[in-house]
């Protein structure tokens, strides 16, 4: 099917130059770019770290399995408890 695209001059010039460097045609480049833009959502594996955003742009999935703020605060507050208990035990001669 034929269609007409109205492109800015600078974009058309850059695209034609790139097509020549790649030894391909402008038509092939446009087709490839459109297929690439349409395909990501169809090709992503369920366990992929990427997701397709609202405009079809790939981005990293937001992680929800990380620690909560409360868990991090608990770890910070108690990070030396085990080591402190071991030092006290050694000091008391219970090594």
PDB file of N, CA and C in Angstrom:
ATOM      1  N   UNK A   1       0.847  -1.169   0.000  1.00  0.00           N
ATOM      2  CA  UNK A   1       0.000   0.000   0.000  1.00  0.00           C
ATOM      3  C   UNK A   1       0.894   1.235   0.000  1.00  0.00           C
ATOM      4  N   UNK A   2       0.525   2.206  -0.742  1.00  0.00           N
ATOM      5  CA  UNK A   2       1.310   3.435  -0.802  1.00  0.00           C
ATOM      6  C   UNK A   2       0.699   4.479   0.107  1.00  0.00           C
ATOM      7  N   UNK A   3       1.577   5.299   0.668  1.00  0.00           N
ATOM      8  CA  UNK A   3       1.127   6.419   1.488  1.00  0.00           C
ATOM      9  C   UNK A   3       2.131   7.549   1.339  1.00  0.00           C
ATOM     10  N   UNK A   4       1.755   8.718   1.742  1.00  0.00           N
ATOM     11  CA  UNK A   4       2.631   9.884   1.662  1.00  0.00           C
ATOM     12  C   UNK A   4       2.947  10.344   3.075  1.00  0.00           C
ATOM     13  N   UNK A   5       4.231  10.597   3.324  1.00  0.00           N
ATOM     14  CA  UNK A   5       4.668  11.112   4.619  1.00  0.00           C
ATOM     15  C   UNK A   5       5.227  12.513   4.416  1.00  0.00           C
ATOM     16  N   UNK A   6       4.880  13.419   5.293  1.00  0.00           N
ATOM     17  CA  UNK A   6       5.420  14.768   5.259  1.00  0.00           C
ATOM     18  C   UNK A   6       6.455  14.863   6.371  1.00  0.00           C
ATOM     19  N   UNK A   7       7.733  14.821   6.013  1.00  0.00           N
ATOM     20  CA  UNK A   7       8.825  14.813   6.986  1.00  0.00           C
ATOM     21  C   UNK A   7       9.599  16.125   6.926  1.00  0.00           C
ATOM     22  N   UNK A   8      10.144  16.558   8.056  1.00  0.00           N
ATOM     23  CA  UNK A   8      11.026  17.730   8.027  1.00  0.00           C
ATOM     24  C   UNK A   8      12.244  17.429   7.146  1.00  0.00           C
ATOM     25  N   UNK A   9      12.716  18.446   6.449  1.00  0.00           N
ATOM     26  CA  UNK A   9      13.839  18.268   5.524  1.00  0.00           C
ATOM     27  C   UNK A   9      15.058  17.649   6.192  1.00  0.00           C
ATOM     28  N   UNK A  10      15.416  18.138   7.390  1.00  0.00           N
ATOM     29  CA  UNK A  10      16.615  17.632   8.056  1.00  0.00           C
ATOM     30  C   UNK A  10      16.476  16.146   8.408  1.00  0.00           C
ATOM     31  N   UNK A  11      15.269  15.715   8.798  1.00  0.00           N
ATOM     32  CA  UNK A  11      15.050  14.303   9.120  1.00  0.00           C
ATOM     33  C   UNK A  11      15.147  13.450   7.867  1.00  0.00           C
ATOM     34  N   UNK A  12      14.560  13.913   6.783  1.00  0.00           N
ATOM     35  CA  UNK A  12      14.615  13.150   5.533  1.00  0.00           C
ATOM     36  C   UNK A  12      16.054  13.022   5.030  1.00  0.00           C
ATOM     37  N   UNK A  13      16.808  14.097   5.106  1.00  0.00           N
ATOM     38  CA  UNK A  13      18.208  14.065   4.654  1.00  0.00           C
ATOM     39  C   UNK A  13      19.018  13.084   5.512  1.00  0.00           C
ATOM     40  N   UNK A  14      18.851  13.159   6.833  1.00  0.00           N
ATOM     41  CA  UNK A  14      19.580  12.250   7.727  1.00  0.00           C
ATOM     42  C   UNK A  14      19.166  10.799   7.485  1.00  0.00           C
ATOM     43  N   UNK A  15      17.881  10.557   7.274  1.00  0.00           N
ATOM     44  CA  UNK A  15      17.399   9.195   7.041  1.00  0.00           C
ATOM     45  C   UNK A  15      17.943   8.636   5.735  1.00  0.00           C
ATOM     46  N   UNK A  16      17.943   9.447   4.685  1.00  0.00           N
ATOM     47  CA  UNK A  16      18.482   8.983   3.394  1.00  0.00           C
ATOM     48  C   UNK A  16      19.982   8.704   3.494  1.00  0.00           C
ATOM     49  N   UNK A  17      20.698   9.560   4.216  1.00  0.00           N
ATOM     50  CA  UNK A  17      22.140   9.346   4.383  1.00  0.00           C
ATOM     51  C   UNK A  17      22.407   8.056   5.151  1.00  0.00           C
ATOM     52  N   UNK A  18      21.636   7.815   6.200  1.00  0.00           N
ATOM     53  CA  UNK A  18      21.802   6.591   6.981  1.00  0.00           C
ATOM     54  C   UNK A  18      21.444   5.368   6.151  1.00  0.00           C
ATOM     55  N   UNK A  19      20.404   5.458   5.365  1.00  0.00           N
ATOM     56  CA  UNK A  19      20.016   4.345   4.492  1.00  0.00           C
ATOM     57  C   UNK A  19      21.146   4.024   3.517  1.00  0.00           C
ATOM     58  N   UNK A  20      21.759   5.057   2.963  1.00  0.00           N
ATOM     59  CA  UNK A  20      22.880   4.838   2.027  1.00  0.00           C
ATOM     60  C   UNK A  20      24.052   4.176   2.736  1.00  0.00           C
ATOM     61  N   UNK A  21      24.369   4.626   3.961  1.00  0.00           N
ATOM     62  CA  UNK A  21      25.459   4.010   4.726  1.00  0.00           C
ATOM     63  C   UNK A  21      25.180   2.545   4.997  1.00  0.00           C
ATOM     64  N   UNK A  22      23.930   2.230   5.277  1.00  0.00           N
ATOM     65  CA  UNK A  22      23.550   0.851   5.590  1.00  0.00           C
ATOM     66  C   UNK A  22      23.261   0.016   4.343  1.00  0.00           C
ATOM     67  N   UNK A  23      23.399   0.642   3.182  1.00  0.00           N
ATOM     68  CA  UNK A  23      23.142  -0.027   1.914  1.00  0.00           C
ATOM     69  C   UNK A  23      21.726  -0.610   1.878  1.00  0.00           C
ATOM     70  N   UNK A  24      20.777   0.239   2.228  1.00  0.00           N
ATOM     71  CA  UNK A  24      19.368  -0.139   2.213  1.00  0.00           C
ATOM     72  C   UNK A  24      18.576   1.028   1.660  1.00  0.00           C
ATOM     73  N   UNK A  25      17.282   0.915   1.658  1.00  0.00           N
ATOM     74  CA  UNK A  25      16.430   1.983   1.137  1.00  0.00           C
ATOM     75  C   UNK A  25      15.722   2.710   2.272  1.00  0.00           C
ATOM     76  N   UNK A  26      15.258   3.910   1.967  1.00  0.00           N
ATOM     77  CA  UNK A  26      14.482   4.664   2.936  1.00  0.00           C
ATOM     78  C   UNK A  26      13.197   3.911   3.276  1.00  0.00           C
ATOM     79  N   UNK A  27      12.584   3.306   2.279  1.00  0.00           N
ATOM     80  CA  UNK A  27      11.367   2.516   2.498  1.00  0.00           C
ATOM     81  C   UNK A  27      11.632   1.395   3.503  1.00  0.00           C
ATOM     82  N   UNK A  28      12.745   0.679   3.336  1.00  0.00           N
ATOM     83  CA  UNK A  28      13.077  -0.424   4.244  1.00  0.00           C
ATOM     84  C   UNK A  28      13.317   0.090   5.660  1.00  0.00           C
ATOM     85  N   UNK A  29      13.966   1.249   5.779  1.00  0.00           N
ATOM     86  CA  UNK A  29      14.213   1.812   7.113  1.00  0.00           C
ATOM     87  C   UNK A  29      12.913   2.217   7.794  1.00  0.00           C
ATOM     88  N   UNK A  30      12.007   2.845   7.065  1.00  0.00           N
ATOM     89  CA  UNK A  30      10.724   3.254   7.643  1.00  0.00           C
ATOM     90  C   UNK A  30       9.938   2.022   8.062  1.00  0.00           C
ATOM     91  N   UNK A  31       9.918   0.997   7.212  1.00  0.00           N
ATOM     92  CA  UNK A  31       9.210  -0.236   7.549  1.00  0.00           C
ATOM     93  C   UNK A  31       9.799  -0.877   8.802  1.00  0.00           C
ATOM     94  N   UNK A  32      11.132  -0.946   8.878  1.00  0.00           N
ATOM     95  CA  UNK A  32      11.794  -1.531  10.038  1.00  0.00           C
ATOM     96  C   UNK A  32      11.473  -0.738  11.316  1.00  0.00           C
ATOM     97  N   UNK A  33      11.514   0.589  11.216  1.00  0.00           N
ATOM     98  CA  UNK A  33      11.235   1.436  12.381  1.00  0.00           C
ATOM     99  C   UNK A  33       9.793   1.250  12.858  1.00  0.00           C
ATOM    100  N   UNK A  34       8.859   1.178  11.934  1.00  0.00           N
ATOM    101  CA  UNK A  34       7.466   0.977  12.324  1.00  0.00           C
ATOM    102  C   UNK A  34       7.262  -0.390  12.963  1.00  0.00           C
ATOM    103  N   UNK A  35       7.874  -1.418  12.386  1.00  0.00           N
ATOM    104  CA  UNK A  35       7.747  -2.763  12.965  1.00  0.00           C
ATOM    105  C   UNK A  35       8.354  -2.811  14.369  1.00  0.00           C
ATOM    106  N   UNK A  36       9.490  -2.133  14.543  1.00  0.00           N
ATOM    107  CA  UNK A  36      10.145  -2.101  15.852  1.00  0.00           C
ATOM    108  C   UNK A  36       9.263  -1.396  16.879  1.00  0.00           C
ATOM    109  N   UNK A  37       8.598  -0.337  16.491  1.00  0.00           N
ATOM    110  CA  UNK A  37       7.732   0.400  17.403  1.00  0.00           C
ATOM    111  C   UNK A  37       6.481  -0.383  17.764  1.00  0.00           C
ATOM    112  N   UNK A  38       5.976  -1.169  16.837  1.00  0.00           N
ATOM    113  CA  UNK A  38       4.759  -1.927  17.070  1.00  0.00           C
ATOM    114  C   UNK A  38       5.037  -3.220  17.832  1.00  0.00           C
ATOM    115  N   UNK A  39       6.182  -3.847  17.581  1.00  0.00           N
ATOM    116  CA  UNK A  39       6.474  -5.188  18.075  1.00  0.00           C
ATOM    117  C   UNK A  39       6.810  -5.331  19.551  1.00  0.00           C
ATOM    118  N   UNK A  40       7.394  -4.380  20.258  1.00  0.00           N
ATOM    119  CA  UNK A  40       7.869  -4.674  21.614  1.00  0.00           C
ATOM    120  C   UNK A  40       6.833  -5.318  22.518  1.00  0.00           C
ATOM    121  N   UNK A  41       5.617  -4.837  22.489  1.00  0.00           N
ATOM    122  CA  UNK A  41       4.601  -5.371  23.380  1.00  0.00           C
ATOM    123  C   UNK A  41       4.325  -6.842  23.071  1.00  0.00           C
ATOM    124  N   UNK A  42       4.397  -7.219  21.822  1.00  0.00           N
ATOM    125  CA  UNK A  42       4.116  -8.589  21.423  1.00  0.00           C
ATOM    126  C   UNK A  42       5.281  -9.531  21.742  1.00  0.00           C
ATOM    127  N   UNK A  43       6.509  -9.026  21.764  1.00  0.00           N
ATOM    128  CA  UNK A  43       7.690  -9.877  21.887  1.00  0.00           C
ATOM    129  C   UNK A  43       8.222 -10.018  23.311  1.00  0.00           C
ATOM    130  N   UNK A  44       7.716  -9.267  24.259  1.00  0.00           N
ATOM    131  CA  UNK A  44       8.254  -9.324  25.615  1.00  0.00           C
ATOM    132  C   UNK A  44       7.849 -10.615  26.312  1.00  0.00           C
ATOM    133  N   UNK A  45       8.820 -11.275  26.911  1.00  0.00           N
ATOM    134  CA  UNK A  45       8.534 -12.468  27.701  1.00  0.00           C
ATOM    135  C   UNK A  45       7.883 -12.038  29.013  1.00  0.00           C
ATOM    136  N   UNK A  46       7.058 -12.892  29.600  1.00  0.00           N
ATOM    137  CA  UNK A  46       6.389 -12.521  30.855  1.00  0.00           C
ATOM    138  C   UNK A  46       7.354 -12.153  31.980  1.00  0.00           C
ATOM    139  N   UNK A  47       8.538 -12.773  31.992  1.00  0.00           N
ATOM    140  CA  UNK A  47       9.503 -12.493  33.053  1.00  0.00           C
ATOM    141  C   UNK A  47      10.523 -11.422  32.658  1.00  0.00           C
ATOM    142  N   UNK A  48      10.256 -10.715  31.574  1.00  0.00           N
ATOM    143  CA  UNK A  48      11.154  -9.664  31.113  1.00  0.00           C
ATOM    144  C   UNK A  48      11.207  -8.530  32.138  1.00  0.00           C
ATOM    145  N   UNK A  49      12.384  -7.926  32.332  1.00  0.00           N
ATOM    146  CA  UNK A  49      12.481  -6.801  33.266  1.00  0.00           C
ATOM    147  C   UNK A  49      11.904  -5.515  32.672  1.00  0.00           C
ATOM    148  N   UNK A  50      11.430  -5.580  31.420  1.00  0.00           N
ATOM    149  CA  UNK A  50      10.911  -4.401  30.744  1.00  0.00           C
ATOM    150  C   UNK A  50       9.397  -4.458  30.618  1.00  0.00           C
ATOM    151  N   UNK A  51       8.807  -3.278  30.470  1.00  0.00           N
ATOM    152  CA  UNK A  51       7.387  -3.166  30.181  1.00  0.00           C
ATOM    153  C   UNK A  51       7.216  -2.100  29.113  1.00  0.00           C
ATOM    154  N   UNK A  52       6.081  -2.149  28.426  1.00  0.00           N
ATOM    155  CA  UNK A  52       5.796  -1.166  27.396  1.00  0.00           C
ATOM    156  C   UNK A  52       4.930  -0.072  28.023  1.00  0.00           C
ATOM    157  N   UNK A  53       5.419   1.145  27.947  1.00  0.00           N
ATOM    158  CA  UNK A  53       4.696   2.262  28.538  1.00  0.00           C
ATOM    159  C   UNK A  53       3.500   2.675  27.701  1.00  0.00           C
ATOM    160  N   UNK A  54       2.789   3.720  28.132  1.00  0.00           N
ATOM    161  CA  UNK A  54       1.566   4.136  27.447  1.00  0.00           C
ATOM    162  C   UNK A  54       1.788   4.618  26.016  1.00  0.00           C
ATOM    163  N   UNK A  55       2.994   5.046  25.686  1.00  0.00           N
ATOM    164  CA  UNK A  55       3.283   5.509  24.329  1.00  0.00           C
ATOM    165  C   UNK A  55       4.073   4.479  23.537  1.00  0.00           C
ATOM    166  N   UNK A  56       4.129   3.241  24.041  1.00  0.00           N
ATOM    167  CA  UNK A  56       4.827   2.173  23.341  1.00  0.00           C
ATOM    168  C   UNK A  56       6.328   2.181  23.556  1.00  0.00           C
ATOM    169  N   UNK A  57       6.810   2.913  24.545  1.00  0.00           N
ATOM    170  CA  UNK A  57       8.239   3.017  24.813  1.00  0.00           C
ATOM    171  C   UNK A  57       8.606   2.005  25.895  1.00  0.00           C
ATOM    172  N   UNK A  58       9.681   1.256  25.654  1.00  0.00           N
ATOM    173  CA  UNK A  58      10.137   0.277  26.638  1.00  0.00           C
ATOM    174  C   UNK A  58      10.754   0.981  27.833  1.00  0.00           C
ATOM    175  N   UNK A  59      10.468   0.462  29.016  1.00  0.00           N
ATOM    176  CA  UNK A  59      11.091   0.970  30.236  1.00  0.00           C
ATOM    177  C   UNK A  59      11.214  -0.178  31.219  1.00  0.00           C
ATOM    178  N   UNK A  60      12.064   0.000  32.234  1.00  0.00           N
ATOM    179  CA  UNK A  60      12.207  -1.025  33.259  1.00  0.00           C
ATOM    180  C   UNK A  60      10.930  -1.102  34.081  1.00  0.00           C
ATOM    181  N   UNK A  61      10.525  -2.323  34.419  1.00  0.00           N
ATOM    182  CA  UNK A  61       9.342  -2.510  35.258  1.00  0.00           C
ATOM    183  C   UNK A  61       9.619  -1.936  36.639  1.00  0.00           C
ATOM    184  N   UNK A  62       8.586  -1.408  37.242  1.00  0.00           N
ATOM    185  CA  UNK A  62       8.709  -0.937  38.619  1.00  0.00           C
ATOM    186  C   UNK A  62       8.693  -2.153  39.528  1.00  0.00           C
ATOM    187  N   UNK A  63       9.657  -2.213  40.425  1.00  0.00           N
ATOM    188  CA  UNK A  63       9.742  -3.360  41.327  1.00  0.00           C
ATOM    189  C   UNK A  63       8.872  -3.121  42.543  1.00  0.00           C
ATOM    190  N   UNK A  64       8.108  -4.133  42.904  1.00  0.00           N
ATOM    191  CA  UNK A  64       7.266  -4.035  44.089  1.00  0.00           C
ATOM    192  C   UNK A  64       7.680  -5.052  45.143  1.00  0.00           C
ATOM    193  N   UNK A  65       8.701  -5.843  44.833  1.00  0.00           N
ATOM    194  CA  UNK A  65       9.113  -6.895  45.761  1.00  0.00           C
ATOM    195  C   UNK A  65      10.277  -6.480  46.657  1.00  0.00           C
ATOM    196  N   UNK A  66      10.619  -5.210  46.671  1.00  0.00           N
ATOM    197  CA  UNK A  66      11.731  -4.732  47.488  1.00  0.00           C
ATOM    198  C   UNK A  66      11.315  -4.536  48.931  1.00  0.00           C
ATOM    199  N   UNK A  67      12.279  -4.247  49.797  1.00  0.00           N
ATOM    200  CA  UNK A  67      11.964  -4.046  51.219  1.00  0.00           C
ATOM    201  C   UNK A  67      11.163  -2.756  51.430  1.00  0.00           C
ATOM    202  N   UNK A  68      10.362  -2.762  52.464  1.00  0.00           N
ATOM    203  CA  UNK A  68       9.595  -1.568  52.815  1.00  0.00           C
ATOM    204  C   UNK A  68      10.490  -0.621  53.609  1.00  0.00           C
ATOM    205  N   UNK A  69      10.038   0.596  53.774  1.00  0.00           N
ATOM    206  CA  UNK A  69      10.788   1.577  54.557  1.00  0.00           C
ATOM    207  C   UNK A  69      10.942   1.108  56.003  1.00  0.00           C
ATOM    208  N   UNK A  70       9.911   0.474  56.538  1.00  0.00           N
ATOM    209  CA  UNK A  70       9.970  -0.035  57.912  1.00  0.00           C
ATOM    210  C   UNK A  70      11.025  -1.138  58.047  1.00  0.00           C
ATOM    211  N   UNK A  71      11.092  -2.017  57.049  1.00  0.00           N
ATOM    212  CA  UNK A  71      12.094  -3.090  57.087  1.00  0.00           C
ATOM    213  C   UNK A  71      13.501  -2.516  57.024  1.00  0.00           C
ATOM    214  N   UNK A  72      13.705  -1.511  56.224  1.00  0.00           N
ATOM    215  CA  UNK A  72      15.028  -0.883  56.114  1.00  0.00           C
ATOM    216  C   UNK A  72      15.397  -0.212  57.427  1.00  0.00           C
ATOM    217  N   UNK A  73      14.456   0.494  58.044  1.00  0.00           N
ATOM    218  CA  UNK A  73      14.721   1.141  59.333  1.00  0.00           C
ATOM    219  C   UNK A  73      15.069   0.099  60.394  1.00  0.00           C
ATOM    220  N   UNK A  74      14.385  -1.030  60.393  1.00  0.00           N
ATOM    221  CA  UNK A  74      14.673  -2.104  61.348  1.00  0.00           C
ATOM    222  C   UNK A  74      16.090  -2.646  61.132  1.00  0.00           C
ATOM    223  N   UNK A  75      16.456  -2.868  59.879  1.00  0.00           N
ATOM    224  CA  UNK A  75      17.810  -3.364  59.583  1.00  0.00           C
ATOM    225  C   UNK A  75      18.877  -2.377  60.035  1.00  0.00           C
ATOM    226  N   UNK A  76      18.646  -1.090  59.804  1.00  0.00           N
ATOM    227  CA  UNK A  76      19.611  -0.068  60.227  1.00  0.00           C
ATOM    228  C   UNK A  76      19.733  -0.057  61.745  1.00  0.00           C
ATOM    229  N   UNK A  77      18.593  -0.108  62.424  1.00  0.00           N
ATOM    230  CA  UNK A  77      18.598  -0.041  63.890  1.00  0.00           C
ATOM    231  C   UNK A  77      19.249  -1.261  64.514  1.00  0.00           C
ATOM    232  N   UNK A  78      19.178  -2.397  63.876  1.00  0.00           N
ATOM    233  CA  UNK A  78      19.666  -3.640  64.477  1.00  0.00           C
ATOM    234  C   UNK A  78      20.846  -4.269  63.735  1.00  0.00           C
ATOM    235  N   UNK A  79      21.525  -3.480  62.909  1.00  0.00           N
ATOM    236  CA  UNK A  79      22.598  -4.033  62.091  1.00  0.00           C
ATOM    237  C   UNK A  79      23.785  -4.557  62.905  1.00  0.00           C
ATOM    238  N   UNK A  80      23.991  -4.067  64.109  1.00  0.00           N
ATOM    239  CA  UNK A  80      25.145  -4.479  64.899  1.00  0.00           C
ATOM    240  C   UNK A  80      24.776  -5.379  66.079  1.00  0.00           C
ATOM    241  N   UNK A  81      23.505  -5.725  66.234  1.00  0.00           N
ATOM    242  CA  UNK A  81      23.064  -6.511  67.390  1.00  0.00           C
ATOM    243  C   UNK A  81      23.827  -7.825  67.530  1.00  0.00           C
ATOM    244  N   UNK A  82      23.933  -8.588  66.473  1.00  0.00           N
ATOM    245  CA  UNK A  82      24.594  -9.899  66.535  1.00  0.00           C
ATOM    246  C   UNK A  82      26.084  -9.743  66.841  1.00  0.00           C
ATOM    247  N   UNK A  83      26.722  -8.775  66.188  1.00  0.00           N
ATOM    248  CA  UNK A  83      28.147  -8.547  66.429  1.00  0.00           C
ATOM    249  C   UNK A  83      28.387  -8.062  67.861  1.00  0.00           C
ATOM    250  N   UNK A  84      27.522  -7.165  68.349  1.00  0.00           N
ATOM    251  CA  UNK A  84      27.647  -6.672  69.731  1.00  0.00           C
ATOM    252  C   UNK A  84      27.502  -7.812  70.735  1.00  0.00           C
ATOM    253  N   UNK A  85      26.549  -8.701  70.509  1.00  0.00           N
ATOM    254  CA  UNK A  85      26.340  -9.841  71.410  1.00  0.00           C
ATOM    255  C   UNK A  85      27.567 -10.746  71.413  1.00  0.00           C
ATOM    256  N   UNK A  86      28.194 -10.941  70.259  1.00  0.00           N
ATOM    257  CA  UNK A  86      29.394 -11.787  70.182  1.00  0.00           C
ATOM    258  C   UNK A  86      30.552 -11.144  70.937  1.00  0.00           C
ATOM    259  N   UNK A  87      30.717  -9.825  70.806  1.00  0.00           N
ATOM    260  CA  UNK A  87      31.802  -9.114  71.505  1.00  0.00           C
ATOM    261  C   UNK A  87      31.589  -9.181  73.013  1.00  0.00           C
ATOM    262  N   UNK A  88      30.351  -8.985  73.451  1.00  0.00           N
ATOM    263  CA  UNK A  88      30.052  -9.062  74.894  1.00  0.00           C
ATOM    264  C   UNK A  88      30.333 -10.465  75.407  1.00  0.00           C
ATOM    265  N   UNK A  89      29.982 -11.464  74.622  1.00  0.00           N
ATOM    266  CA  UNK A  89      30.231 -12.859  75.017  1.00  0.00           C
ATOM    267  C   UNK A  89      31.729 -13.122  75.161  1.00  0.00           C
ATOM    268  N   UNK A  90      32.521 -12.594  74.229  1.00  0.00           N
ATOM    269  CA  UNK A  90      33.988 -12.781  74.299  1.00  0.00           C
ATOM    270  C   UNK A  90      34.540 -12.049  75.513  1.00  0.00           C
ATOM    271  N   UNK A  91      34.044 -10.847  75.778  1.00  0.00           N
ATOM    272  CA  UNK A  91      34.511 -10.047  76.906  1.00  0.00           C
ATOM    273  C   UNK A  91      34.207 -10.738  78.237  1.00  0.00           C
ATOM    274  N   UNK A  92      33.106 -11.485  78.284  1.00  0.00           N
ATOM    275  CA  UNK A  92      32.736 -12.183  79.505  1.00  0.00           C
ATOM    276  C   UNK A  92      33.461 -13.520  79.612  1.00  0.00           C
ATOM    277  N   UNK A  93      34.217 -13.872  78.595  1.00  0.00           N
ATOM    278  CA  UNK A  93      34.977 -15.117  78.629  1.00  0.00           C
ATOM    279  C   UNK A  93      34.162 -16.329  78.178  1.00  0.00           C
ATOM    280  N   UNK A  94      33.102 -16.090  77.472  1.00  0.00           N
ATOM    281  CA  UNK A  94      32.249 -17.168  76.974  1.00  0.00           C
ATOM    282  C   UNK A  94      32.502 -17.488  75.516  1.00  0.00           C
ATOM    283  N   UNK A  95      33.704 -17.274  75.042  1.00  0.00           N
ATOM    284  CA  UNK A  95      34.015 -17.473  73.625  1.00  0.00           C
ATOM    285  C   UNK A  95      33.812 -18.872  73.302  1.00  0.00           C
TER     286      UNK A  95
END
